[in-house]
């Protein structure tokens, strides 16, 4: 996660919440790194084999201040620009 307002960057785990609630909640020690109302970026990482990457399509989801989805970017050629083949 990246807190855009204070520059904090940290790794954490996820706990499923109520679908559609728009709630993003940071628990445990990581909660000390962000404040209510901060803008955050949630980044997920994974390790893929070359075979998996043949069909992988990255997705970037943009939300509004209430965490409602406003745009989904899945333009693979733009998102993967610069990735080694």
PDB file of N, CA and C in Angstrom:
ATOM      1  N   UNK A   1       0.840  -1.166   0.000  1.00  0.00           N
ATOM      2  CA  UNK A   1       0.000   0.000   0.000  1.00  0.00           C
ATOM      3  C   UNK A   1       0.890   1.235   0.000  1.00  0.00           C
ATOM      4  N   UNK A   2       0.374   2.288  -0.585  1.00  0.00           N
ATOM      5  CA  UNK A   2       1.063   3.574  -0.600  1.00  0.00           C
ATOM      6  C   UNK A   2       0.068   4.623  -0.114  1.00  0.00           C
ATOM      7  N   UNK A   3       0.460   5.397   0.890  1.00  0.00           N
ATOM      8  CA  UNK A   3      -0.357   6.517   1.346  1.00  0.00           C
ATOM      9  C   UNK A   3       0.119   7.753   0.601  1.00  0.00           C
ATOM     10  N   UNK A   4      -0.710   8.249  -0.299  1.00  0.00           N
ATOM     11  CA  UNK A   4      -0.340   9.389  -1.130  1.00  0.00           C
ATOM     12  C   UNK A   4      -0.157  10.649  -0.281  1.00  0.00           C
ATOM     13  N   UNK A   5      -0.897  10.770   0.805  1.00  0.00           N
ATOM     14  CA  UNK A   5      -0.854  11.981   1.626  1.00  0.00           C
ATOM     15  C   UNK A   5       0.394  12.102   2.487  1.00  0.00           C
ATOM     16  N   UNK A   6       0.905  10.973   3.010  1.00  0.00           N
ATOM     17  CA  UNK A   6       2.068  11.095   3.893  1.00  0.00           C
ATOM     18  C   UNK A   6       3.298  10.321   3.407  1.00  0.00           C
ATOM     19  N   UNK A   7       3.176   9.616   2.271  1.00  0.00           N
ATOM     20  CA  UNK A   7       4.320   8.915   1.705  1.00  0.00           C
ATOM     21  C   UNK A   7       4.612   7.553   2.302  1.00  0.00           C
ATOM     22  N   UNK A   8       3.803   7.116   3.262  1.00  0.00           N
ATOM     23  CA  UNK A   8       4.042   5.799   3.868  1.00  0.00           C
ATOM     24  C   UNK A   8       3.854   4.705   2.829  1.00  0.00           C
ATOM     25  N   UNK A   9       4.741   3.723   2.882  1.00  0.00           N
ATOM     26  CA  UNK A   9       4.658   2.560   1.998  1.00  0.00           C
ATOM     27  C   UNK A   9       4.862   1.320   2.855  1.00  0.00           C
ATOM     28  N   UNK A  10       3.972   0.354   2.683  1.00  0.00           N
ATOM     29  CA  UNK A  10       4.074  -0.842   3.502  1.00  0.00           C
ATOM     30  C   UNK A  10       3.366  -2.012   2.840  1.00  0.00           C
ATOM     31  N   UNK A  11       3.751  -3.214   3.258  1.00  0.00           N
ATOM     32  CA  UNK A  11       3.104  -4.434   2.805  1.00  0.00           C
ATOM     33  C   UNK A  11       2.218  -4.936   3.935  1.00  0.00           C
ATOM     34  N   UNK A  12       1.080  -5.493   3.569  1.00  0.00           N
ATOM     35  CA  UNK A  12       0.164  -6.032   4.561  1.00  0.00           C
ATOM     36  C   UNK A  12      -0.664  -7.135   3.921  1.00  0.00           C
ATOM     37  N   UNK A  13      -1.614  -7.631   4.624  1.00  0.00           N
ATOM     38  CA  UNK A  13      -2.490  -8.694   4.149  1.00  0.00           C
ATOM     39  C   UNK A  13      -3.887  -8.124   3.939  1.00  0.00           C
ATOM     40  N   UNK A  14      -4.775  -8.905   3.353  1.00  0.00           N
ATOM     41  CA  UNK A  14      -6.143  -8.444   3.174  1.00  0.00           C
ATOM     42  C   UNK A  14      -7.115  -9.325   3.955  1.00  0.00           C
ATOM     43  N   UNK A  15      -8.187  -8.690   4.377  1.00  0.00           N
ATOM     44  CA  UNK A  15      -9.313  -9.379   5.019  1.00  0.00           C
ATOM     45  C   UNK A  15     -10.547  -8.948   4.243  1.00  0.00           C
ATOM     46  N   UNK A  16     -11.293  -9.899   3.768  1.00  0.00           N
ATOM     47  CA  UNK A  16     -12.503  -9.564   2.998  1.00  0.00           C
ATOM     48  C   UNK A  16     -13.474  -8.765   3.857  1.00  0.00           C
ATOM     49  N   UNK A  17     -14.047  -7.742   3.257  1.00  0.00           N
ATOM     50  CA  UNK A  17     -15.056  -6.936   3.930  1.00  0.00           C
ATOM     51  C   UNK A  17     -16.394  -7.098   3.242  1.00  0.00           C
ATOM     52  N   UNK A  18     -17.333  -6.270   3.600  1.00  0.00           N
ATOM     53  CA  UNK A  18     -18.656  -6.334   2.996  1.00  0.00           C
ATOM     54  C   UNK A  18     -18.599  -5.813   1.569  1.00  0.00           C
ATOM     55  N   UNK A  19     -18.953  -6.655   0.618  1.00  0.00           N
ATOM     56  CA  UNK A  19     -18.917  -6.309  -0.799  1.00  0.00           C
ATOM     57  C   UNK A  19     -19.786  -5.079  -1.068  1.00  0.00           C
ATOM     58  N   UNK A  20     -19.194  -4.125  -1.786  1.00  0.00           N
ATOM     59  CA  UNK A  20     -19.923  -2.921  -2.167  1.00  0.00           C
ATOM     60  C   UNK A  20     -19.979  -1.839  -1.102  1.00  0.00           C
ATOM     61  N   UNK A  21     -19.386  -2.092   0.063  1.00  0.00           N
ATOM     62  CA  UNK A  21     -19.459  -1.107   1.148  1.00  0.00           C
ATOM     63  C   UNK A  21     -18.551   0.093   0.905  1.00  0.00           C
ATOM     64  N   UNK A  22     -17.504  -0.091   0.100  1.00  0.00           N
ATOM     65  CA  UNK A  22     -16.556   0.993  -0.140  1.00  0.00           C
ATOM     66  C   UNK A  22     -15.576   1.212   1.001  1.00  0.00           C
ATOM     67  N   UNK A  23     -15.622   0.355   2.008  1.00  0.00           N
ATOM     68  CA  UNK A  23     -14.747   0.512   3.168  1.00  0.00           C
ATOM     69  C   UNK A  23     -13.361  -0.044   2.867  1.00  0.00           C
ATOM     70  N   UNK A  24     -12.342   0.782   3.094  1.00  0.00           N
ATOM     71  CA  UNK A  24     -10.956   0.350   3.080  1.00  0.00           C
ATOM     72  C   UNK A  24     -10.468   0.574   4.510  1.00  0.00           C
ATOM     73  N   UNK A  25     -10.094  -0.496   5.176  1.00  0.00           N
ATOM     74  CA  UNK A  25      -9.712  -0.402   6.580  1.00  0.00           C
ATOM     75  C   UNK A  25      -8.348  -1.034   6.758  1.00  0.00           C
ATOM     76  N   UNK A  26      -7.457  -0.338   7.417  1.00  0.00           N
ATOM     77  CA  UNK A  26      -6.128  -0.868   7.696  1.00  0.00           C
ATOM     78  C   UNK A  26      -6.101  -1.268   9.165  1.00  0.00           C
ATOM     79  N   UNK A  27      -5.728  -2.510   9.422  1.00  0.00           N
ATOM     80  CA  UNK A  27      -5.729  -3.054  10.783  1.00  0.00           C
ATOM     81  C   UNK A  27      -4.308  -3.273  11.289  1.00  0.00           C
ATOM     82  N   UNK A  28      -4.199  -3.558  12.569  1.00  0.00           N
ATOM     83  CA  UNK A  28      -2.919  -3.910  13.170  1.00  0.00           C
ATOM     84  C   UNK A  28      -1.935  -2.749  13.159  1.00  0.00           C
ATOM     85  N   UNK A  29      -0.646  -3.111  13.164  1.00  0.00           N
ATOM     86  CA  UNK A  29       0.413  -2.098  13.231  1.00  0.00           C
ATOM     87  C   UNK A  29       0.387  -1.171  12.021  1.00  0.00           C
ATOM     88  N   UNK A  30      -0.022  -1.691  10.849  1.00  0.00           N
ATOM     89  CA  UNK A  30      -0.068  -0.864   9.636  1.00  0.00           C
ATOM     90  C   UNK A  30      -1.041   0.300   9.782  1.00  0.00           C
ATOM     91  N   UNK A  31      -2.029   0.149  10.650  1.00  0.00           N
ATOM     92  CA  UNK A  31      -3.022   1.209  10.849  1.00  0.00           C
ATOM     93  C   UNK A  31      -2.386   2.493  11.385  1.00  0.00           C
ATOM     94  N   UNK A  32      -1.229   2.394  11.976  1.00  0.00           N
ATOM     95  CA  UNK A  32      -0.554   3.582  12.493  1.00  0.00           C
ATOM     96  C   UNK A  32       0.090   4.402  11.370  1.00  0.00           C
ATOM     97  N   UNK A  33       0.133   3.830  10.158  1.00  0.00           N
ATOM     98  CA  UNK A  33       0.802   4.492   9.038  1.00  0.00           C
ATOM     99  C   UNK A  33      -0.130   5.320   8.163  1.00  0.00           C
ATOM    100  N   UNK A  34      -1.438   5.175   8.351  1.00  0.00           N
ATOM    101  CA  UNK A  34      -2.403   5.928   7.555  1.00  0.00           C
ATOM    102  C   UNK A  34      -3.429   6.577   8.467  1.00  0.00           C
ATOM    103  N   UNK A  35      -4.112   7.568   7.926  1.00  0.00           N
ATOM    104  CA  UNK A  35      -5.140   8.273   8.704  1.00  0.00           C
ATOM    105  C   UNK A  35      -6.447   8.261   7.928  1.00  0.00           C
ATOM    106  N   UNK A  36      -7.537   8.309   8.634  1.00  0.00           N
ATOM    107  CA  UNK A  36      -8.852   8.352   8.002  1.00  0.00           C
ATOM    108  C   UNK A  36      -8.903   9.502   7.005  1.00  0.00           C
ATOM    109  N   UNK A  37      -9.364   9.224   5.799  1.00  0.00           N
ATOM    110  CA  UNK A  37      -9.454  10.251   4.764  1.00  0.00           C
ATOM    111  C   UNK A  37      -8.247  10.332   3.849  1.00  0.00           C
ATOM    112  N   UNK A  38      -7.146   9.650   4.204  1.00  0.00           N
ATOM    113  CA  UNK A  38      -5.964   9.653   3.332  1.00  0.00           C
ATOM    114  C   UNK A  38      -6.283   8.959   2.014  1.00  0.00           C
ATOM    115  N   UNK A  39      -5.619   9.396   0.956  1.00  0.00           N
ATOM    116  CA  UNK A  39      -5.711   8.730  -0.337  1.00  0.00           C
ATOM    117  C   UNK A  39      -4.643   7.650  -0.372  1.00  0.00           C
ATOM    118  N   UNK A  40      -5.060   6.421  -0.674  1.00  0.00           N
ATOM    119  CA  UNK A  40      -4.102   5.323  -0.726  1.00  0.00           C
ATOM    120  C   UNK A  40      -4.153   4.640  -2.089  1.00  0.00           C
ATOM    121  N   UNK A  41      -3.057   3.995  -2.424  1.00  0.00           N
ATOM    122  CA  UNK A  41      -2.975   3.167  -3.611  1.00  0.00           C
ATOM    123  C   UNK A  41      -2.741   1.743  -3.116  1.00  0.00           C
ATOM    124  N   UNK A  42      -3.594   0.834  -3.557  1.00  0.00           N
ATOM    125  CA  UNK A  42      -3.455  -0.571  -3.197  1.00  0.00           C
ATOM    126  C   UNK A  42      -2.806  -1.265  -4.384  1.00  0.00           C
ATOM    127  N   UNK A  43      -1.681  -1.891  -4.138  1.00  0.00           N
ATOM    128  CA  UNK A  43      -0.913  -2.567  -5.183  1.00  0.00           C
ATOM    129  C   UNK A  43      -0.862  -4.051  -4.838  1.00  0.00           C
ATOM    130  N   UNK A  44      -1.091  -4.887  -5.833  1.00  0.00           N
ATOM    131  CA  UNK A  44      -0.935  -6.328  -5.586  1.00  0.00           C
ATOM    132  C   UNK A  44       0.178  -6.855  -6.477  1.00  0.00           C
ATOM    133  N   UNK A  45       0.912  -7.796  -5.935  1.00  0.00           N
ATOM    134  CA  UNK A  45       2.032  -8.407  -6.642  1.00  0.00           C
ATOM    135  C   UNK A  45       1.788  -9.899  -6.742  1.00  0.00           C
ATOM    136  N   UNK A  46       2.340 -10.506  -7.765  1.00  0.00           N
ATOM    137  CA  UNK A  46       2.266 -11.953  -7.905  1.00  0.00           C
ATOM    138  C   UNK A  46       3.470 -12.417  -8.706  1.00  0.00           C
ATOM    139  N   UNK A  47       3.775 -13.682  -8.578  1.00  0.00           N
ATOM    140  CA  UNK A  47       4.874 -14.291  -9.315  1.00  0.00           C
ATOM    141  C   UNK A  47       4.257 -15.212 -10.356  1.00  0.00           C
ATOM    142  N   UNK A  48       4.522 -14.918 -11.630  1.00  0.00           N
ATOM    143  CA  UNK A  48       3.936 -15.683 -12.723  1.00  0.00           C
ATOM    144  C   UNK A  48       5.019 -16.393 -13.523  1.00  0.00           C
ATOM    145  N   UNK A  49       4.657 -17.540 -14.061  1.00  0.00           N
ATOM    146  CA  UNK A  49       5.553 -18.229 -14.993  1.00  0.00           C
ATOM    147  C   UNK A  49       5.387 -17.562 -16.364  1.00  0.00           C
ATOM    148  N   UNK A  50       6.324 -17.804 -17.248  1.00  0.00           N
ATOM    149  CA  UNK A  50       6.212 -17.277 -18.622  1.00  0.00           C
ATOM    150  C   UNK A  50       4.921 -17.769 -19.277  1.00  0.00           C
ATOM    151  N   UNK A  51       4.546 -19.015 -18.997  1.00  0.00           N
ATOM    152  CA  UNK A  51       3.322 -19.572 -19.576  1.00  0.00           C
ATOM    153  C   UNK A  51       2.088 -18.817 -19.069  1.00  0.00           C
ATOM    154  N   UNK A  52       2.065 -18.517 -17.776  1.00  0.00           N
ATOM    155  CA  UNK A  52       0.941 -17.759 -17.214  1.00  0.00           C
ATOM    156  C   UNK A  52       0.840 -16.375 -17.844  1.00  0.00           C
ATOM    157  N   UNK A  53       1.984 -15.774 -18.128  1.00  0.00           N
ATOM    158  CA  UNK A  53       1.989 -14.419 -18.680  1.00  0.00           C
ATOM    159  C   UNK A  53       1.447 -14.356 -20.107  1.00  0.00           C
ATOM    160  N   UNK A  54       1.386 -15.499 -20.782  1.00  0.00           N
ATOM    161  CA  UNK A  54       0.845 -15.508 -22.137  1.00  0.00           C
ATOM    162  C   UNK A  54      -0.632 -15.117 -22.151  1.00  0.00           C
ATOM    163  N   UNK A  55      -1.362 -15.381 -21.072  1.00  0.00           N
ATOM    164  CA  UNK A  55      -2.784 -15.046 -21.011  1.00  0.00           C
ATOM    165  C   UNK A  55      -3.110 -14.015 -19.919  1.00  0.00           C
ATOM    166  N   UNK A  56      -2.098 -13.588 -19.176  1.00  0.00           N
ATOM    167  CA  UNK A  56      -2.315 -12.623 -18.095  1.00  0.00           C
ATOM    168  C   UNK A  56      -2.689 -11.259 -18.654  1.00  0.00           C
ATOM    169  N   UNK A  57      -3.681 -10.620 -18.051  1.00  0.00           N
ATOM    170  CA  UNK A  57      -4.060  -9.259 -18.425  1.00  0.00           C
ATOM    171  C   UNK A  57      -4.170  -8.421 -17.166  1.00  0.00           C
ATOM    172  N   UNK A  58      -3.237  -7.480 -16.957  1.00  0.00           N
ATOM    173  CA  UNK A  58      -3.287  -6.640 -15.767  1.00  0.00           C
ATOM    174  C   UNK A  58      -4.491  -5.703 -15.816  1.00  0.00           C
ATOM    175  N   UNK A  59      -4.955  -5.305 -14.639  1.00  0.00           N
ATOM    176  CA  UNK A  59      -6.099  -4.412 -14.531  1.00  0.00           C
ATOM    177  C   UNK A  59      -5.793  -3.343 -13.490  1.00  0.00           C
ATOM    178  N   UNK A  60      -6.111  -2.098 -13.805  1.00  0.00           N
ATOM    179  CA  UNK A  60      -5.997  -0.997 -12.855  1.00  0.00           C
ATOM    180  C   UNK A  60      -7.400  -0.453 -12.628  1.00  0.00           C
ATOM    181  N   UNK A  61      -7.832  -0.419 -11.371  1.00  0.00           N
ATOM    182  CA  UNK A  61      -9.171   0.032 -11.035  1.00  0.00           C
ATOM    183  C   UNK A  61      -9.064   1.405 -10.373  1.00  0.00           C
ATOM    184  N   UNK A  62      -9.782   2.379 -10.926  1.00  0.00           N
ATOM    185  CA  UNK A  62      -9.819   3.735 -10.374  1.00  0.00           C
ATOM    186  C   UNK A  62     -11.142   3.909  -9.641  1.00  0.00           C
ATOM    187  N   UNK A  63     -11.083   4.516  -8.459  1.00  0.00           N
ATOM    188  CA  UNK A  63     -12.294   4.736  -7.665  1.00  0.00           C
ATOM    189  C   UNK A  63     -12.430   6.211  -7.314  1.00  0.00           C
ATOM    190  N   UNK A  64     -13.646   6.605  -6.929  1.00  0.00           N
ATOM    191  CA  UNK A  64     -13.867   7.983  -6.487  1.00  0.00           C
ATOM    192  C   UNK A  64     -13.627   8.082  -4.980  1.00  0.00           C
ATOM    193  N   UNK A  65     -13.922   9.207  -4.390  1.00  0.00           N
ATOM    194  CA  UNK A  65     -13.658   9.426  -2.954  1.00  0.00           C
ATOM    195  C   UNK A  65     -14.459   8.481  -2.054  1.00  0.00           C
ATOM    196  N   UNK A  66     -15.547   7.911  -2.590  1.00  0.00           N
ATOM    197  CA  UNK A  66     -16.355   6.964  -1.820  1.00  0.00           C
ATOM    198  C   UNK A  66     -15.999   5.518  -2.180  1.00  0.00           C
ATOM    199  N   UNK A  67     -14.886   5.344  -2.884  1.00  0.00           N
ATOM    200  CA  UNK A  67     -14.397   4.029  -3.313  1.00  0.00           C
ATOM    201  C   UNK A  67     -15.357   3.309  -4.254  1.00  0.00           C
ATOM    202  N   UNK A  68     -16.128   4.075  -5.022  1.00  0.00           N
ATOM    203  CA  UNK A  68     -16.957   3.485  -6.066  1.00  0.00           C
ATOM    204  C   UNK A  68     -16.137   3.446  -7.344  1.00  0.00           C
ATOM    205  N   UNK A  69     -16.193   2.341  -8.056  1.00  0.00           N
ATOM    206  CA  UNK A  69     -15.422   2.192  -9.291  1.00  0.00           C
ATOM    207  C   UNK A  69     -15.913   3.191 -10.329  1.00  0.00           C
ATOM    208  N   UNK A  70     -14.938   3.966 -10.872  1.00  0.00           N
ATOM    209  CA  UNK A  70     -15.285   4.922 -11.923  1.00  0.00           C
ATOM    210  C   UNK A  70     -14.633   4.577 -13.253  1.00  0.00           C
ATOM    211  N   UNK A  71     -13.561   3.783 -13.219  1.00  0.00           N
ATOM    212  CA  UNK A  71     -12.880   3.412 -14.453  1.00  0.00           C
ATOM    213  C   UNK A  71     -12.040   2.170 -14.213  1.00  0.00           C
ATOM    214  N   UNK A  72     -12.020   1.298 -15.205  1.00  0.00           N
ATOM    215  CA  UNK A  72     -11.172   0.113 -15.165  1.00  0.00           C
ATOM    216  C   UNK A  72     -10.293   0.154 -16.402  1.00  0.00           C
ATOM    217  N   UNK A  73      -8.982   0.216 -16.192  1.00  0.00           N
ATOM    218  CA  UNK A  73      -8.023   0.211 -17.298  1.00  0.00           C
ATOM    219  C   UNK A  73      -7.511  -1.208 -17.477  1.00  0.00           C
ATOM    220  N   UNK A  74      -7.704  -1.730 -18.665  1.00  0.00           N
ATOM    221  CA  UNK A  74      -7.168  -3.055 -18.961  1.00  0.00           C
ATOM    222  C   UNK A  74      -6.530  -3.071 -20.346  1.00  0.00           C
ATOM    223  N   UNK A  75      -5.995  -1.933 -20.726  1.00  0.00           N
ATOM    224  CA  UNK A  75      -5.325  -1.822 -22.017  1.00  0.00           C
ATOM    225  C   UNK A  75      -3.930  -2.409 -21.857  1.00  0.00           C
ATOM    226  N   UNK A  76      -3.820  -3.692 -22.160  1.00  0.00           N
ATOM    227  CA  UNK A  76      -2.621  -4.452 -21.866  1.00  0.00           C
ATOM    228  C   UNK A  76      -1.365  -3.850 -22.486  1.00  0.00           C
ATOM    229  N   UNK A  77      -1.438  -3.427 -23.736  1.00  0.00           N
ATOM    230  CA  UNK A  77      -0.220  -2.914 -24.374  1.00  0.00           C
ATOM    231  C   UNK A  77       0.307  -1.686 -23.666  1.00  0.00           C
ATOM    232  N   UNK A  78      -0.562  -0.852 -23.132  1.00  0.00           N
ATOM    233  CA  UNK A  78      -0.120   0.349 -22.403  1.00  0.00           C
ATOM    234  C   UNK A  78       0.377   0.000 -21.007  1.00  0.00           C
ATOM    235  N   UNK A  79      -0.342  -0.895 -20.321  1.00  0.00           N
ATOM    236  CA  UNK A  79       0.038  -1.264 -18.954  1.00  0.00           C
ATOM    237  C   UNK A  79       1.335  -2.063 -18.911  1.00  0.00           C
ATOM    238  N   UNK A  80       1.613  -2.841 -19.941  1.00  0.00           N
ATOM    239  CA  UNK A  80       2.820  -3.657 -19.972  1.00  0.00           C
ATOM    240  C   UNK A  80       3.973  -3.006 -20.704  1.00  0.00           C
ATOM    241  N   UNK A  81       3.841  -1.756 -21.099  1.00  0.00           N
ATOM    242  CA  UNK A  81       4.929  -1.069 -21.817  1.00  0.00           C
ATOM    243  C   UNK A  81       6.190  -1.133 -20.972  1.00  0.00           C
ATOM    244  N   UNK A  82       7.257  -1.588 -21.591  1.00  0.00           N
ATOM    245  CA  UNK A  82       8.544  -1.641 -20.902  1.00  0.00           C
ATOM    246  C   UNK A  82       8.832  -2.948 -20.203  1.00  0.00           C
ATOM    247  N   UNK A  83       7.868  -3.867 -20.158  1.00  0.00           N
ATOM    248  CA  UNK A  83       8.101  -5.163 -19.520  1.00  0.00           C
ATOM    249  C   UNK A  83       8.895  -6.035 -20.487  1.00  0.00           C
ATOM    250  N   UNK A  84       9.950  -6.695 -19.963  1.00  0.00           N
ATOM    251  CA  UNK A  84      10.768  -7.568 -20.811  1.00  0.00           C
ATOM    252  C   UNK A  84       9.943  -8.738 -21.344  1.00  0.00           C
ATOM    253  N   UNK A  85      10.151  -9.023 -22.606  1.00  0.00           N
ATOM    254  CA  UNK A  85       9.418 -10.156 -23.217  1.00  0.00           C
ATOM    255  C   UNK A  85      10.171 -11.447 -23.002  1.00  0.00           C
TER     256      UNK A  85
END
